[in-house]
Amino acid sequence: MSGSKSSDASFARAASLPPEAHGDHPLGLTVHTLPPADGAVATAQRARHGRWKMFGVLLICAAPVIASYFTYYVVRPEGRRNYGELIDPQRTMPQVDATSLDGNAVSLASLKGQWLLVSVAGGACDADCQKHLYLQRQLRESLGKEKDRVDWVWLVNDAASVPAELAPALQKATVLRVDGAALGAWLAPAEGHRPAEHLYVVDPMGNWMMRFPAAMDTAGAAKAKRDLERLLRASSSWDESGRPGKP
């Protein structure tokens, strides 16, 4: 019993001593030595909120474009058919240089910002080429007040000179000479046809998105006009007439 009382007294004395007196250093780590957690939590919350805000801004910017394409490609009345062939996947305009007819260097990307109605042909411009140029002009003019949202573009894919007698008829056209290989990697004809047999539609972001059938005649041009009108209506919420920076 005396031994038990001695042990109890020793235990009581040990319990009354401060922690460092035991020499048990690990138990000396107390809560107040840990780094404060509030700052780390606040930083994480700010980063998370910042990511959500950035995502929201991007979504707001892209929403009109997404909505217009959704309207045109998905929400279409039953039985309605396009005259032009929709390109899927769309092809983005290449970053290549072109040359104007007066010899000035022009970036092909400078055409972005407008809907483009494009023809492709050699500079000599045979009868079929001239017919396409005429249909392009008529199609654009037939759009009335919406015509300023569409540029009439002829891309010359060889080194042949353009006949001088065509100059008066091309006053409202954009005519650029582009390397044929680079152009062929962007705009392509239907199987079994030549590039010059089609008219191509490019959206304001530079994406080739439609190709009209080869050898289009006047009746076909009327159907092509309806396609263009639907495209312009679908994009009216985000596309305005006049290229950015263009007076």
Protein backbone atom coordinates (compact mmCIF):
# COMPACT_ATOMS: atom_id res chain seq x y z
CA MET A 1 0.00 0.00 0.00
CA SER A 2 2.85 2.33 0.79
CA GLY A 3 4.21 1.63 -2.71
CA SER A 4 0.88 2.50 -4.24
CA LYS A 5 0.67 5.75 -2.33
CA SER A 6 4.21 6.62 -3.45
CA SER A 7 3.31 5.95 -7.11
CA ASP A 8 0.17 8.07 -6.87
CA ALA A 9 2.15 10.94 -5.39
CA SER A 10 4.77 10.69 -8.14
CA PHE A 11 2.05 10.73 -10.82
CA ALA A 12 0.40 13.77 -9.22
CA ARG A 13 3.70 15.66 -9.14
CA ALA A 14 4.41 14.79 -12.81
CA ALA A 15 0.95 15.95 -13.85
CA SER A 16 1.48 19.29 -12.12
CA LEU A 17 4.73 20.05 -13.99
CA PRO A 18 4.70 22.15 -17.22
CA PRO A 19 5.00 20.12 -20.49
CA GLU A 20 8.60 21.12 -21.18
CA ALA A 21 9.68 19.65 -17.87
CA HIS A 22 8.85 16.17 -19.16
CA GLY A 23 11.33 16.43 -22.04
CA ASP A 24 8.52 15.21 -24.35
CA HIS A 25 9.00 17.70 -27.17
CA PRO A 26 6.38 16.43 -29.68
CA LEU A 27 3.62 17.23 -27.19
CA GLY A 28 4.96 20.79 -27.11
CA LEU A 29 3.39 21.44 -30.58
CA THR A 30 0.21 23.31 -29.82
CA VAL A 31 -2.58 24.63 -32.06
CA HIS A 32 -1.27 28.20 -32.02
CA THR A 33 1.91 27.08 -33.84
CA LEU A 34 -0.07 26.05 -37.01
CA PRO A 35 -0.36 28.63 -39.87
CA PRO A 36 -3.71 30.43 -39.96
CA ALA A 37 -6.13 28.79 -42.43
CA ASP A 38 -8.37 31.82 -43.07
CA GLY A 39 -6.00 33.39 -45.65
CA ALA A 40 -5.66 30.18 -47.69
CA VAL A 41 -9.44 29.64 -47.76
CA ALA A 42 -10.05 33.23 -48.86
CA THR A 43 -7.44 32.93 -51.63
CA ALA A 44 -9.03 29.71 -52.91
CA GLN A 45 -12.47 31.29 -52.89
CA ARG A 46 -11.25 34.34 -54.81
CA ALA A 47 -9.58 32.13 -57.43
CA ARG A 48 -12.75 30.06 -57.84
CA HIS A 49 -14.95 33.16 -58.15
CA GLY A 50 -12.50 34.61 -60.70
CA ARG A 51 -12.72 31.50 -62.88
CA TRP A 52 -16.53 31.60 -62.80
CA LYS A 53 -16.56 35.28 -63.75
CA MET A 54 -14.19 34.67 -66.68
CA PHE A 55 -16.34 31.75 -67.87
CA GLY A 56 -19.44 33.97 -67.62
CA VAL A 57 -17.85 36.75 -69.72
CA LEU A 58 -16.78 34.27 -72.42
CA LEU A 59 -20.25 32.74 -72.47
CA ILE A 60 -21.92 36.14 -72.84
CA CYS A 61 -19.60 37.08 -75.73
CA ALA A 62 -20.13 33.79 -77.55
CA ALA A 63 -23.86 33.44 -76.91
CA PRO A 64 -25.14 35.50 -79.89
CA VAL A 65 -22.94 33.62 -82.36
CA ILE A 66 -23.89 30.24 -80.88
CA ALA A 67 -27.57 31.19 -80.90
CA SER A 68 -27.54 32.31 -84.53
CA TYR A 69 -25.89 29.10 -85.72
CA PHE A 70 -28.22 27.03 -83.56
CA THR A 71 -31.18 28.84 -85.14
CA TYR A 72 -29.93 28.23 -88.66
CA TYR A 73 -28.63 24.68 -88.31
CA VAL A 74 -31.01 23.18 -85.73
CA VAL A 75 -34.24 25.14 -85.28
CA ARG A 76 -35.44 24.87 -88.87
CA PRO A 77 -39.03 24.30 -90.00
CA GLU A 78 -39.78 20.76 -91.13
CA GLY A 79 -39.43 20.23 -94.85
CA ARG A 80 -37.19 23.23 -95.44
CA ARG A 81 -34.08 22.46 -97.46
CA ASN A 82 -31.01 24.53 -98.20
CA TYR A 83 -30.04 25.11 -101.79
CA GLY A 84 -26.42 25.46 -100.74
CA GLU A 85 -24.45 22.61 -99.20
CA LEU A 86 -23.47 23.22 -95.56
CA ILE A 87 -19.79 22.54 -94.88
CA ASP A 88 -19.18 20.33 -91.85
CA PRO A 89 -16.75 20.83 -90.31
CA GLN A 90 -16.31 24.43 -91.34
CA ARG A 91 -12.89 25.49 -92.58
CA THR A 92 -11.14 28.51 -91.11
CA MET A 93 -9.61 31.12 -93.41
CA PRO A 94 -5.84 30.50 -93.75
CA GLN A 95 -3.28 33.07 -92.65
CA VAL A 96 -1.87 33.81 -96.10
CA ASP A 97 -1.01 36.92 -98.06
CA ALA A 98 -2.83 37.98 -101.20
CA THR A 99 -2.18 40.64 -103.83
CA SER A 100 -4.58 43.24 -105.14
CA LEU A 101 -4.79 43.84 -108.89
CA ASP A 102 -2.62 46.94 -108.52
CA GLY A 103 0.13 44.84 -106.91
CA ASN A 104 -0.33 45.74 -103.25
CA ALA A 105 0.15 43.05 -100.61
CA VAL A 106 -3.04 42.31 -98.66
CA SER A 107 -3.66 39.83 -95.86
CA LEU A 108 -6.48 37.45 -96.70
CA ALA A 109 -7.60 37.82 -93.08
CA SER A 110 -8.46 41.47 -93.83
CA LEU A 111 -11.65 40.12 -95.45
CA LYS A 112 -12.99 39.04 -92.05
CA GLY A 113 -15.80 41.03 -90.48
CA GLN A 114 -18.26 40.65 -93.37
CA TRP A 115 -20.22 37.83 -94.94
CA LEU A 116 -18.38 36.91 -98.14
CA LEU A 117 -19.85 35.63 -101.39
CA VAL A 118 -16.78 34.20 -103.09
CA SER A 119 -15.91 32.97 -106.57
CA VAL A 120 -12.61 31.35 -107.54
CA ALA A 121 -11.21 31.47 -111.07
CA GLY A 122 -8.11 32.16 -113.13
CA GLY A 123 -7.34 35.71 -114.16
CA ALA A 124 -8.26 35.14 -117.81
CA CYS A 125 -11.90 34.70 -116.63
CA ASP A 126 -13.68 32.67 -119.29
CA ALA A 127 -17.41 32.79 -120.00
CA ASP A 128 -18.34 30.69 -116.95
CA CYS A 129 -16.23 32.94 -114.73
CA GLN A 130 -17.93 36.05 -116.10
CA LYS A 131 -21.34 34.45 -115.53
CA HIS A 132 -20.45 33.82 -111.89
CA LEU A 133 -19.28 37.40 -111.44
CA TYR A 134 -22.60 38.61 -112.84
CA LEU A 135 -24.61 36.31 -110.54
CA GLN A 136 -22.55 37.42 -107.54
CA ARG A 137 -23.28 41.07 -108.25
CA GLN A 138 -26.99 40.39 -108.81
CA LEU A 139 -27.26 38.28 -105.66
CA ARG A 140 -25.69 40.98 -103.52
CA GLU A 141 -27.82 43.76 -105.01
CA SER A 142 -30.99 41.69 -104.55
CA LEU A 143 -30.45 41.69 -100.77
CA GLY A 144 -31.55 45.33 -100.61
CA LYS A 145 -30.64 47.10 -97.39
CA GLU A 146 -28.83 43.98 -96.15
CA LYS A 147 -26.34 44.02 -99.03
CA ASP A 148 -23.84 46.08 -97.03
CA ARG A 149 -23.33 43.05 -94.79
CA VAL A 150 -22.08 40.98 -97.75
CA ASP A 151 -18.88 41.50 -99.77
CA TRP A 152 -18.60 40.30 -103.36
CA VAL A 153 -15.18 38.63 -103.64
CA TRP A 154 -13.31 37.16 -106.60
CA LEU A 155 -10.17 35.21 -105.65
CA VAL A 156 -7.83 34.79 -108.61
CA ASN A 157 -5.92 31.52 -108.23
CA ASP A 158 -3.27 31.91 -110.95
CA ALA A 159 -0.87 34.49 -112.40
CA ALA A 160 -2.94 35.32 -115.52
CA SER A 161 -3.80 38.97 -116.12
CA VAL A 162 -7.39 40.08 -115.62
CA PRO A 163 -8.89 41.48 -118.88
CA ALA A 164 -9.02 45.27 -118.78
CA GLU A 165 -12.59 45.26 -120.15
CA LEU A 166 -13.80 43.65 -116.89
CA ALA A 167 -12.62 46.57 -114.76
CA PRO A 168 -15.85 48.65 -115.01
CA ALA A 169 -17.98 45.68 -113.94
CA LEU A 170 -15.71 44.95 -110.95
CA GLN A 171 -15.87 48.35 -109.28
CA LYS A 172 -17.90 47.00 -106.34
CA ALA A 173 -15.99 43.73 -106.12
CA THR A 174 -12.98 42.81 -104.02
CA VAL A 175 -10.50 41.08 -106.33
CA LEU A 176 -7.42 39.45 -104.82
CA ARG A 177 -4.81 37.11 -106.25
CA VAL A 178 -4.10 34.19 -103.89
CA ASP A 179 -1.75 31.24 -104.17
CA GLY A 180 -3.76 28.41 -105.72
CA ALA A 181 -2.40 25.71 -103.38
CA ALA A 182 -3.15 27.73 -100.24
CA LEU A 183 -6.61 28.56 -101.55
CA GLY A 184 -7.30 24.92 -102.42
CA ALA A 185 -6.60 23.93 -98.82
CA TRP A 186 -9.44 26.21 -97.73
CA LEU A 187 -12.15 26.29 -100.42
CA ALA A 188 -12.83 23.05 -102.26
CA PRO A 189 -15.24 22.02 -105.03
CA ALA A 190 -17.67 19.12 -104.86
CA GLU A 191 -16.28 15.80 -106.05
CA GLY A 192 -15.86 15.76 -109.82
CA HIS A 193 -15.99 19.55 -110.18
CA ARG A 194 -13.51 22.43 -110.46
CA PRO A 195 -13.20 25.28 -107.92
CA ALA A 196 -14.42 27.78 -110.53
CA GLU A 197 -17.76 25.98 -110.88
CA HIS A 198 -19.08 27.04 -107.45
CA LEU A 199 -19.89 30.09 -105.39
CA TYR A 200 -18.79 29.89 -101.74
CA VAL A 201 -20.17 31.55 -98.59
CA VAL A 202 -17.82 32.58 -95.77
CA ASP A 203 -19.07 33.91 -92.44
CA PRO A 204 -17.74 37.11 -90.76
CA MET A 205 -15.33 35.05 -88.62
CA GLY A 206 -13.62 33.68 -91.73
CA ASN A 207 -15.20 30.23 -91.71
CA TRP A 208 -16.15 28.68 -95.04
CA MET A 209 -19.61 27.31 -94.23
CA MET A 210 -21.57 26.87 -97.48
CA ARG A 211 -21.03 25.94 -101.12
CA PHE A 212 -23.63 26.56 -103.83
CA PRO A 213 -24.10 23.89 -106.54
CA ALA A 214 -21.96 23.92 -109.66
CA ALA A 215 -23.20 25.60 -112.82
CA MET A 216 -25.73 27.74 -110.95
CA ASP A 217 -28.28 29.40 -113.24
CA THR A 218 -30.77 32.20 -112.66
CA ALA A 219 -33.30 29.88 -111.01
CA GLY A 220 -30.57 28.56 -108.75
CA ALA A 221 -29.53 32.12 -107.89
CA ALA A 222 -33.07 32.80 -106.59
CA LYS A 223 -32.70 29.80 -104.23
CA ALA A 224 -29.23 30.97 -103.22
CA LYS A 225 -30.73 34.35 -102.33
CA ARG A 226 -33.14 32.67 -99.90
CA ASP A 227 -30.22 30.89 -98.22
CA LEU A 228 -28.34 34.17 -97.85
CA GLU A 229 -31.40 35.92 -96.44
CA ARG A 230 -31.83 33.19 -93.82
CA LEU A 231 -28.17 33.43 -92.85
CA LEU A 232 -28.39 37.20 -92.49
CA ARG A 233 -31.54 36.98 -90.39
CA ALA A 234 -30.03 34.32 -88.12
CA SER A 235 -26.91 36.43 -87.53
CA SER A 236 -28.63 39.82 -87.18
CA SER A 237 -28.16 39.89 -83.39
CA TRP A 238 -24.35 39.98 -83.59
CA ASP A 239 -23.33 40.90 -87.16
CA GLU A 240 -23.50 44.51 -88.33
CA SER A 241 -22.90 46.00 -91.76
CA GLY A 242 -19.39 47.26 -92.39
CA ARG A 243 -16.13 45.56 -91.51
CA PRO A 244 -14.56 46.68 -88.21
CA GLY A 245 -12.35 49.69 -88.98
CA LYS A 246 -13.96 50.11 -92.37
CA PRO A 247 -15.63 53.51 -92.93
